[in-house]
Amino acid sequence: MSLLRGTALSLAFDDQPILEAVDIELDKGEMLGLIGPNGAGKSSLLRCLAGSARADSGVLQLGEQRLEDIPRSERARRIAYLPQQTEVHWPLSVKRIIELGRIPHLEPWGKLSARDQQVIESVIADADLLPFRHRPYNTLSGGERARVLLARALASEPEILLADEPVAALDPAHQLDVMAMLAEHCSQGNAVIVVLHDLRLAAHFCQRLQLLHQGCTLAVGKPGEVLTPDNLENAYQIHLPDTQSAIDTLLNITWQRIPK
């Protein structure tokens, strides 16, 4: 039984199709990368999976239950959604922002427990945010804010994390850190769907890739099965003089983060 499954998901806006009969499946312990050009439907698909947008047709299941039949409180504990952009209008500290990730686990008006604090401190360290923990969130750079929001999502200890371009604003070293955090989350028996534009990161960290093009699934499978010359040319409308050599480099490159 898949952890999360979407069947024949379709979505339109102003009579313009955005998703057309897309199937998607996520297994426990898996990182699935959503790739494809701008406007392919990746973010819209993620919003449907998160429940923040409702597909016009199709079925969404979390385990054996339809997503719509699961109470919002339970969904909030089991699924965390990290959108591309999140506005924070209050001058909250980094630590306070991350503490908000524990709200799904608290009773109404409940206080953070010792374990809650332990989880919060752990994700602050993992996201390399210790120097900023007491700074106001709105004084941080874009890349620093992105790491804070990822830490908040991970602080909720979700069974499923849906992350939309979480490395877009980051330097290469912190891109590796974030992808390693997502991989660690999967290693604990959870699962991640991540939207990526960097095909090198996608090939290295994701067990499977799903390539979207014009609202449809063009290919899905292991990185080597999806990142083929034909698929890349059809999806991205680009031609590399030595395409196969470039793809071999994508699949075989070894990423290493220099120890801090």
Protein backbone atom coordinates (compact mmCIF):
# COMPACT_ATOMS: atom_id res chain seq x y z
CA MET A 1 0.00 0.00 0.00
CA SER A 2 1.39 3.37 -1.05
CA LEU A 3 1.78 6.06 1.58
CA LEU A 4 0.24 8.66 -0.74
CA ARG A 5 -1.48 8.09 -4.06
CA GLY A 6 -3.11 10.38 -6.58
CA THR A 7 -5.07 8.88 -9.45
CA ALA A 8 -6.11 10.73 -12.63
CA LEU A 9 -5.74 14.17 -11.04
CA SER A 10 -6.94 16.97 -13.30
CA LEU A 11 -7.08 20.71 -12.66
CA ALA A 12 -7.99 23.70 -14.81
CA PHE A 13 -8.00 27.46 -14.31
CA ASP A 14 -10.12 29.74 -16.47
CA ASP A 15 -10.77 26.76 -18.74
CA GLN A 16 -7.02 26.28 -19.24
CA PRO A 17 -5.83 22.78 -18.29
CA ILE A 18 -3.08 22.78 -15.67
CA LEU A 19 -3.03 19.07 -14.81
CA GLU A 20 -4.43 16.35 -17.05
CA ALA A 21 -5.07 12.90 -15.57
CA VAL A 22 -1.82 12.81 -13.57
CA ASP A 23 -1.08 9.71 -11.50
CA ILE A 24 1.42 9.95 -8.65
CA GLU A 25 2.51 7.49 -5.98
CA LEU A 26 4.77 7.84 -2.94
CA ASP A 27 6.12 5.00 -0.86
CA LYS A 28 7.40 4.98 2.70
CA GLY A 29 11.07 5.96 2.95
CA GLU A 30 11.14 7.39 -0.57
CA MET A 31 12.20 10.75 -1.96
CA LEU A 32 10.34 11.47 -5.19
CA GLY A 33 11.58 14.37 -7.30
CA LEU A 34 9.13 16.36 -9.42
CA ILE A 35 10.97 17.87 -12.37
CA GLY A 36 9.97 19.66 -15.53
CA PRO A 37 10.04 23.10 -17.14
CA ASN A 38 8.31 26.17 -15.75
CA GLY A 39 4.56 25.91 -16.07
CA ALA A 40 4.57 22.11 -16.30
CA GLY A 41 2.19 21.77 -13.34
CA LYS A 42 4.63 20.78 -10.59
CA SER A 43 3.55 23.35 -8.01
CA SER A 44 -0.13 22.84 -8.82
CA LEU A 45 0.24 19.10 -8.32
CA LEU A 46 1.97 19.66 -4.98
CA ARG A 47 -0.84 21.99 -3.84
CA CYS A 48 -3.41 19.33 -4.72
CA LEU A 49 -1.49 16.73 -2.74
CA ALA A 50 -1.27 19.11 0.22
CA GLY A 51 -5.00 19.82 0.12
CA SER A 52 -4.50 23.56 -0.44
CA ALA A 53 -5.97 23.20 -3.94
CA ARG A 54 -8.75 20.85 -4.92
CA ALA A 55 -8.42 18.84 -8.11
CA ASP A 56 -11.37 19.09 -10.48
CA SER A 57 -11.34 15.32 -10.83
CA GLY A 58 -9.37 12.33 -9.63
CA VAL A 59 -8.81 10.58 -6.31
CA LEU A 60 -6.30 11.33 -3.55
CA GLN A 61 -5.53 8.72 -0.91
CA LEU A 62 -3.40 8.83 2.23
CA GLY A 63 -2.84 5.17 2.95
CA GLU A 64 -6.21 3.47 2.57
CA GLN A 65 -8.26 6.62 3.23
CA ARG A 66 -9.39 9.31 0.85
CA LEU A 67 -7.59 12.52 1.77
CA GLU A 68 -10.86 14.47 1.97
CA ASP A 69 -12.17 12.05 4.61
CA ILE A 70 -9.25 12.64 6.99
CA PRO A 71 -9.77 15.39 9.60
CA ARG A 72 -7.71 18.53 9.02
CA SER A 73 -6.01 18.13 12.40
CA GLU A 74 -4.75 14.68 11.48
CA ARG A 75 -3.66 15.83 8.03
CA ALA A 76 -1.68 18.66 9.64
CA ARG A 77 0.20 16.13 11.77
CA ARG A 78 0.88 13.75 8.90
CA ILE A 79 1.56 16.08 5.95
CA ALA A 80 3.72 19.21 5.92
CA TYR A 81 3.67 21.51 2.90
CA LEU A 82 6.52 23.89 2.15
CA PRO A 83 5.46 26.28 -0.65
CA GLN A 84 7.82 28.34 -2.75
CA GLN A 85 6.97 31.57 -0.96
CA THR A 86 5.66 32.16 2.55
CA GLU A 87 5.05 35.62 3.93
CA VAL A 88 5.64 36.29 7.63
CA HIS A 89 4.31 39.71 8.58
CA TRP A 90 5.23 39.71 12.27
CA PRO A 91 8.75 40.34 13.65
CA LEU A 92 9.05 36.85 15.11
CA SER A 93 12.39 35.31 15.96
CA VAL A 94 13.78 32.36 14.04
CA LYS A 95 13.20 30.06 17.01
CA ARG A 96 9.61 31.22 17.39
CA ILE A 97 8.91 30.59 13.70
CA ILE A 98 10.24 27.06 14.03
CA GLU A 99 8.23 26.48 17.22
CA LEU A 100 5.09 27.00 15.14
CA GLY A 101 5.87 23.69 13.46
CA ARG A 102 4.90 21.89 16.67
CA ILE A 103 1.36 23.34 16.78
CA PRO A 104 -0.27 20.28 15.14
CA HIS A 105 0.94 18.18 18.08
CA LEU A 106 -0.28 20.51 20.85
CA GLU A 107 -3.58 20.56 22.67
CA PRO A 108 -5.53 23.83 22.33
CA TRP A 109 -3.59 26.48 24.27
CA GLY A 110 -1.07 23.81 25.19
CA LYS A 111 2.56 24.59 25.97
CA LEU A 112 5.66 23.13 24.37
CA SER A 113 6.94 20.05 26.19
CA ALA A 114 10.55 19.08 26.80
CA ARG A 115 10.35 16.79 23.78
CA ASP A 116 8.95 19.59 21.63
CA GLN A 117 11.93 21.73 22.60
CA GLN A 118 14.29 18.86 21.82
CA VAL A 119 12.85 18.52 18.31
CA ILE A 120 13.08 22.28 17.76
CA GLU A 121 16.71 22.47 18.89
CA SER A 122 17.60 19.52 16.66
CA VAL A 123 16.19 21.04 13.46
CA ILE A 124 17.75 24.43 14.27
CA ALA A 125 21.16 22.75 14.42
CA ASP A 126 20.55 20.59 11.35
CA ALA A 127 19.53 23.63 9.28
CA ASP A 128 22.67 25.53 10.34
CA LEU A 129 20.58 28.20 12.06
CA LEU A 130 22.23 28.37 15.47
CA PRO A 131 23.81 31.81 14.81
CA PHE A 132 20.39 33.23 13.84
CA ARG A 133 18.09 31.55 16.33
CA HIS A 134 17.19 34.76 18.20
CA ARG A 135 17.23 37.12 15.23
CA PRO A 136 13.97 38.46 13.75
CA TYR A 137 12.99 36.38 10.74
CA ASN A 138 12.43 39.44 8.56
CA THR A 139 16.09 40.52 8.94
CA LEU A 140 17.41 37.36 7.27
CA SER A 141 18.48 36.84 3.66
CA GLY A 142 16.30 34.88 1.26
CA GLY A 143 18.42 31.76 1.63
CA GLU A 144 18.40 31.97 5.41
CA ARG A 145 14.62 32.38 5.42
CA ALA A 146 14.27 29.31 3.20
CA ARG A 147 16.19 27.23 5.73
CA VAL A 148 14.05 28.54 8.59
CA LEU A 149 10.85 27.53 6.81
CA LEU A 150 12.23 24.08 6.03
CA ALA A 151 13.18 23.69 9.69
CA ARG A 152 9.65 24.68 10.69
CA ALA A 153 8.20 22.05 8.35
CA LEU A 154 10.53 19.34 9.67
CA ALA A 155 9.77 20.34 13.26
CA SER A 156 6.26 18.99 12.77
CA GLU A 157 7.81 15.53 12.16
CA PRO A 158 5.51 14.87 9.21
CA GLU A 159 4.99 11.45 7.73
CA ILE A 160 5.02 13.18 4.32
CA LEU A 161 6.84 16.40 3.43
CA LEU A 162 5.86 18.23 0.25
CA ALA A 163 8.61 20.74 -0.60
CA ASP A 164 8.34 23.16 -3.53
CA GLU A 165 11.80 24.24 -4.70
CA PRO A 166 13.34 24.28 -1.20
CA VAL A 167 16.88 24.88 -2.55
CA ALA A 168 16.08 27.62 -5.08
CA ALA A 169 17.52 30.49 -3.00
CA LEU A 170 20.46 28.60 -1.51
CA ASP A 171 24.18 28.52 -2.21
CA PRO A 172 25.64 25.14 -3.30
CA ALA A 173 26.80 24.12 0.18
CA HIS A 174 23.43 24.80 1.79
CA GLN A 175 21.68 23.09 -1.14
CA LEU A 176 23.55 19.94 -0.18
CA ASP A 177 22.69 20.46 3.48
CA VAL A 178 18.98 20.79 2.71
CA MET A 179 18.92 17.75 0.44
CA ALA A 180 20.76 15.77 3.12
CA MET A 181 18.11 16.84 5.66
CA LEU A 182 15.38 15.60 3.33
CA ALA A 183 17.22 12.32 2.80
CA GLU A 184 17.61 11.88 6.56
CA HIS A 185 13.89 12.50 7.01
CA CYS A 186 13.20 9.68 4.53
CA SER A 187 15.66 7.37 6.27
CA GLN A 188 13.50 7.60 9.40
CA GLY A 189 10.59 5.94 7.58
CA ASN A 190 8.99 9.13 6.28
CA ALA A 191 8.66 10.26 2.67
CA VAL A 192 9.31 13.42 0.64
CA ILE A 193 8.08 14.84 -2.64
CA VAL A 194 10.38 17.66 -3.72
CA VAL A 195 10.14 20.00 -6.71
CA LEU A 196 13.59 20.60 -8.18
CA HIS A 197 15.04 22.39 -11.18
CA ASP A 198 18.61 21.24 -10.54
CA LEU A 199 18.74 17.89 -12.31
CA ARG A 200 22.07 17.03 -10.69
CA LEU A 201 20.54 17.21 -7.23
CA ALA A 202 17.46 15.34 -8.43
CA ALA A 203 19.53 12.52 -9.92
CA HIS A 204 21.74 12.20 -6.86
CA PHE A 205 19.22 12.37 -4.01
CA CYS A 206 15.89 11.07 -5.36
CA GLN A 207 15.06 7.38 -5.64
CA ARG A 208 12.53 8.17 -8.38
CA LEU A 209 11.76 11.14 -10.62
CA GLN A 210 8.49 12.20 -12.20
CA LEU A 211 8.91 14.43 -15.25
CA LEU A 212 5.95 16.70 -15.98
CA HIS A 213 5.37 18.50 -19.27
CA GLN A 214 2.34 20.62 -20.15
CA GLY A 215 0.35 19.24 -17.23
CA CYS A 216 1.00 15.57 -18.04
CA THR A 217 3.47 12.96 -16.86
CA LEU A 218 6.08 12.50 -19.56
CA ALA A 219 8.11 9.92 -17.64
CA VAL A 220 8.39 8.40 -14.18
CA GLY A 221 10.95 5.98 -12.76
CA LYS A 222 14.52 5.79 -11.55
CA PRO A 223 16.71 8.78 -12.50
CA GLY A 224 18.46 6.83 -15.24
CA GLU A 225 15.10 5.86 -16.75
CA VAL A 226 13.74 9.41 -16.74
CA LEU A 227 16.80 11.49 -17.64
CA THR A 228 17.12 10.25 -21.21
CA PRO A 229 18.06 12.37 -24.25
CA ASP A 230 14.56 12.12 -25.73
CA ASN A 231 12.79 13.02 -22.48
CA LEU A 232 15.01 16.02 -21.81
CA GLU A 233 14.67 17.33 -25.35
CA ASN A 234 10.89 16.86 -25.35
CA ALA A 235 10.38 18.46 -21.93
CA TYR A 236 12.94 21.25 -21.92
CA GLN A 237 13.24 21.94 -25.66
CA ILE A 238 17.02 21.88 -25.49
CA HIS A 239 19.62 19.90 -27.38
CA LEU A 240 23.06 19.14 -26.02
CA PRO A 241 25.80 18.30 -28.55
CA ASP A 242 26.81 15.25 -26.51
CA THR A 243 23.58 14.57 -24.67
CA GLN A 244 24.32 11.06 -23.41
CA SER A 245 27.70 12.08 -22.03
CA ALA A 246 26.06 14.97 -20.18
CA ILE A 247 23.39 12.66 -18.76
CA ASP A 248 26.01 10.14 -17.64
CA THR A 249 27.69 12.99 -15.76
CA LEU A 250 24.38 13.89 -14.11
CA LEU A 251 23.81 10.33 -12.94
CA ASN A 252 27.33 9.57 -11.78
CA ILE A 253 28.48 12.83 -10.22
CA THR A 254 29.49 12.51 -6.57
CA TRP A 255 28.42 15.34 -4.28
CA GLN A 256 30.39 15.91 -1.09
CA ARG A 257 29.89 18.60 1.54
CA ILE A 258 33.13 19.74 3.19
CA PRO A 259 32.72 19.18 6.95
CA LYS A 260 31.91 22.33 8.91
